[in-house]
């Protein structure tokens, strides 16, 4: 069922040719024309679930930046903040 939904989302994305991506997103995150964020935003997750996913990643990267990847984690945190701001 999820695979069918994913394929439908990919087809819809290709038709509309719209994108929600991080500027530095690696190509291995793209499948069937959609990144995970695009899939989540386009209906794989409900709006509430998608917002929760974004908030969780914001918290994760903000909390671990001092202990793991520093500026790289803060850049990811900012990317997720920007995605959240776009849908609010």
C-alpha atoms as a PDB file:
ATOM      1  CA  UNK A   1       0.000   0.000   0.000  1.00  0.00           C
ATOM      2  CA  UNK A   2       2.788   2.429   0.898  1.00  0.00           C
ATOM      3  CA  UNK A   3       4.597   1.562  -2.360  1.00  0.00           C
ATOM      4  CA  UNK A   4       1.433   2.340  -4.360  1.00  0.00           C
ATOM      5  CA  UNK A   5       0.994   5.634  -2.536  1.00  0.00           C
ATOM      6  CA  UNK A   6       4.640   6.458  -3.135  1.00  0.00           C
ATOM      7  CA  UNK A   7       4.314   5.759  -6.871  1.00  0.00           C
ATOM      8  CA  UNK A   8       1.196   7.932  -7.082  1.00  0.00           C
ATOM      9  CA  UNK A   9       3.009  10.728  -5.278  1.00  0.00           C
ATOM     10  CA  UNK A  10       5.956  10.421  -7.644  1.00  0.00           C
ATOM     11  CA  UNK A  11       3.678  10.634 -10.667  1.00  0.00           C
ATOM     12  CA  UNK A  12       1.864  13.656  -9.255  1.00  0.00           C
ATOM     13  CA  UNK A  13       5.178  15.330  -8.518  1.00  0.00           C
ATOM     14  CA  UNK A  14       6.479  14.777 -12.025  1.00  0.00           C
ATOM     15  CA  UNK A  15       3.278  16.243 -13.467  1.00  0.00           C
ATOM     16  CA  UNK A  16       3.353  19.359 -11.301  1.00  0.00           C
ATOM     17  CA  UNK A  17       7.152  19.660 -11.382  1.00  0.00           C
ATOM     18  CA  UNK A  18       7.264  21.264  -7.938  1.00  0.00           C
ATOM     19  CA  UNK A  19       9.952  20.582  -5.375  1.00  0.00           C
ATOM     20  CA  UNK A  20      10.612  20.742  -1.687  1.00  0.00           C
ATOM     21  CA  UNK A  21      14.260  19.847  -1.338  1.00  0.00           C
ATOM     22  CA  UNK A  22      17.330  20.852   0.556  1.00  0.00           C
ATOM     23  CA  UNK A  23      19.871  22.537  -1.676  1.00  0.00           C
ATOM     24  CA  UNK A  24      22.548  20.035  -0.657  1.00  0.00           C
ATOM     25  CA  UNK A  25      20.372  16.919  -0.586  1.00  0.00           C
ATOM     26  CA  UNK A  26      22.303  13.884  -1.853  1.00  0.00           C
ATOM     27  CA  UNK A  27      20.879  12.140  -4.911  1.00  0.00           C
ATOM     28  CA  UNK A  28      20.585   8.809  -3.059  1.00  0.00           C
ATOM     29  CA  UNK A  29      17.657  10.283  -1.122  1.00  0.00           C
ATOM     30  CA  UNK A  30      15.661  10.654  -4.328  1.00  0.00           C
ATOM     31  CA  UNK A  31      13.589   7.753  -5.542  1.00  0.00           C
ATOM     32  CA  UNK A  32      10.904   7.793  -8.199  1.00  0.00           C
ATOM     33  CA  UNK A  33      11.393  11.533  -8.553  1.00  0.00           C
ATOM     34  CA  UNK A  34      10.659  12.361  -4.900  1.00  0.00           C
ATOM     35  CA  UNK A  35      12.856  12.889  -1.879  1.00  0.00           C
ATOM     36  CA  UNK A  36      11.591  11.661   1.500  1.00  0.00           C
ATOM     37  CA  UNK A  37      10.628  15.241   2.442  1.00  0.00           C
ATOM     38  CA  UNK A  38       8.658  15.615  -0.775  1.00  0.00           C
ATOM     39  CA  UNK A  39       6.880  12.317  -0.129  1.00  0.00           C
ATOM     40  CA  UNK A  40       6.017  13.308   3.422  1.00  0.00           C
ATOM     41  CA  UNK A  41       4.760  16.727   2.360  1.00  0.00           C
ATOM     42  CA  UNK A  42       2.777  15.379  -0.597  1.00  0.00           C
ATOM     43  CA  UNK A  43       0.652  13.066   1.544  1.00  0.00           C
ATOM     44  CA  UNK A  44       2.655  10.096   2.788  1.00  0.00           C
ATOM     45  CA  UNK A  45       2.294  11.696   6.230  1.00  0.00           C
ATOM     46  CA  UNK A  46      -0.613  13.790   7.451  1.00  0.00           C
ATOM     47  CA  UNK A  47       0.038  17.516   7.882  1.00  0.00           C
ATOM     48  CA  UNK A  48       0.298  17.017  11.646  1.00  0.00           C
ATOM     49  CA  UNK A  49       2.700  14.080  11.271  1.00  0.00           C
ATOM     50  CA  UNK A  50       4.842  16.027   8.791  1.00  0.00           C
ATOM     51  CA  UNK A  51       5.080  19.002  11.158  1.00  0.00           C
ATOM     52  CA  UNK A  52       6.042  16.639  13.985  1.00  0.00           C
ATOM     53  CA  UNK A  53       8.717  15.037  11.799  1.00  0.00           C
ATOM     54  CA  UNK A  54      10.181  18.458  10.999  1.00  0.00           C
ATOM     55  CA  UNK A  55      10.092  19.598  14.636  1.00  0.00           C
ATOM     56  CA  UNK A  56      11.734  16.363  15.775  1.00  0.00           C
ATOM     57  CA  UNK A  57      14.599  16.844  13.337  1.00  0.00           C
ATOM     58  CA  UNK A  58      14.993  20.490  14.360  1.00  0.00           C
ATOM     59  CA  UNK A  59      15.366  19.406  17.982  1.00  0.00           C
ATOM     60  CA  UNK A  60      17.678  16.489  17.118  1.00  0.00           C
ATOM     61  CA  UNK A  61      20.146  18.575  15.127  1.00  0.00           C
ATOM     62  CA  UNK A  62      20.086  21.515  17.561  1.00  0.00           C
ATOM     63  CA  UNK A  63      20.763  19.277  20.569  1.00  0.00           C
ATOM     64  CA  UNK A  64      23.552  17.218  19.055  1.00  0.00           C
ATOM     65  CA  UNK A  65      25.473  19.970  17.235  1.00  0.00           C
ATOM     66  CA  UNK A  66      27.930  20.531  20.112  1.00  0.00           C
ATOM     67  CA  UNK A  67      28.696  16.824  20.412  1.00  0.00           C
ATOM     68  CA  UNK A  68      28.707  15.583  16.841  1.00  0.00           C
ATOM     69  CA  UNK A  69      28.878  17.609  13.626  1.00  0.00           C
ATOM     70  CA  UNK A  70      28.825  21.238  14.759  1.00  0.00           C
ATOM     71  CA  UNK A  71      28.027  23.617  11.911  1.00  0.00           C
ATOM     72  CA  UNK A  72      26.820  20.816   9.626  1.00  0.00           C
ATOM     73  CA  UNK A  73      24.150  19.881  12.183  1.00  0.00           C
ATOM     74  CA  UNK A  74      23.143  23.527  12.594  1.00  0.00           C
ATOM     75  CA  UNK A  75      22.802  23.838   8.811  1.00  0.00           C
ATOM     76  CA  UNK A  76      20.484  20.823   8.839  1.00  0.00           C
ATOM     77  CA  UNK A  77      18.533  22.343  11.732  1.00  0.00           C
ATOM     78  CA  UNK A  78      18.104  25.553   9.729  1.00  0.00           C
ATOM     79  CA  UNK A  79      16.980  23.585   6.645  1.00  0.00           C
ATOM     80  CA  UNK A  80      14.277  21.850   8.689  1.00  0.00           C
ATOM     81  CA  UNK A  81      13.236  25.195  10.208  1.00  0.00           C
ATOM     82  CA  UNK A  82      12.859  26.606   6.710  1.00  0.00           C
ATOM     83  CA  UNK A  83      10.756  23.631   5.610  1.00  0.00           C
ATOM     84  CA  UNK A  84       8.521  24.087   8.663  1.00  0.00           C
ATOM     85  CA  UNK A  85       8.191  27.814   8.052  1.00  0.00           C
ATOM     86  CA  UNK A  86       7.090  27.144   4.453  1.00  0.00           C
ATOM     87  CA  UNK A  87       4.067  25.110   5.585  1.00  0.00           C
ATOM     88  CA  UNK A  88       2.920  27.252   8.507  1.00  0.00           C
END
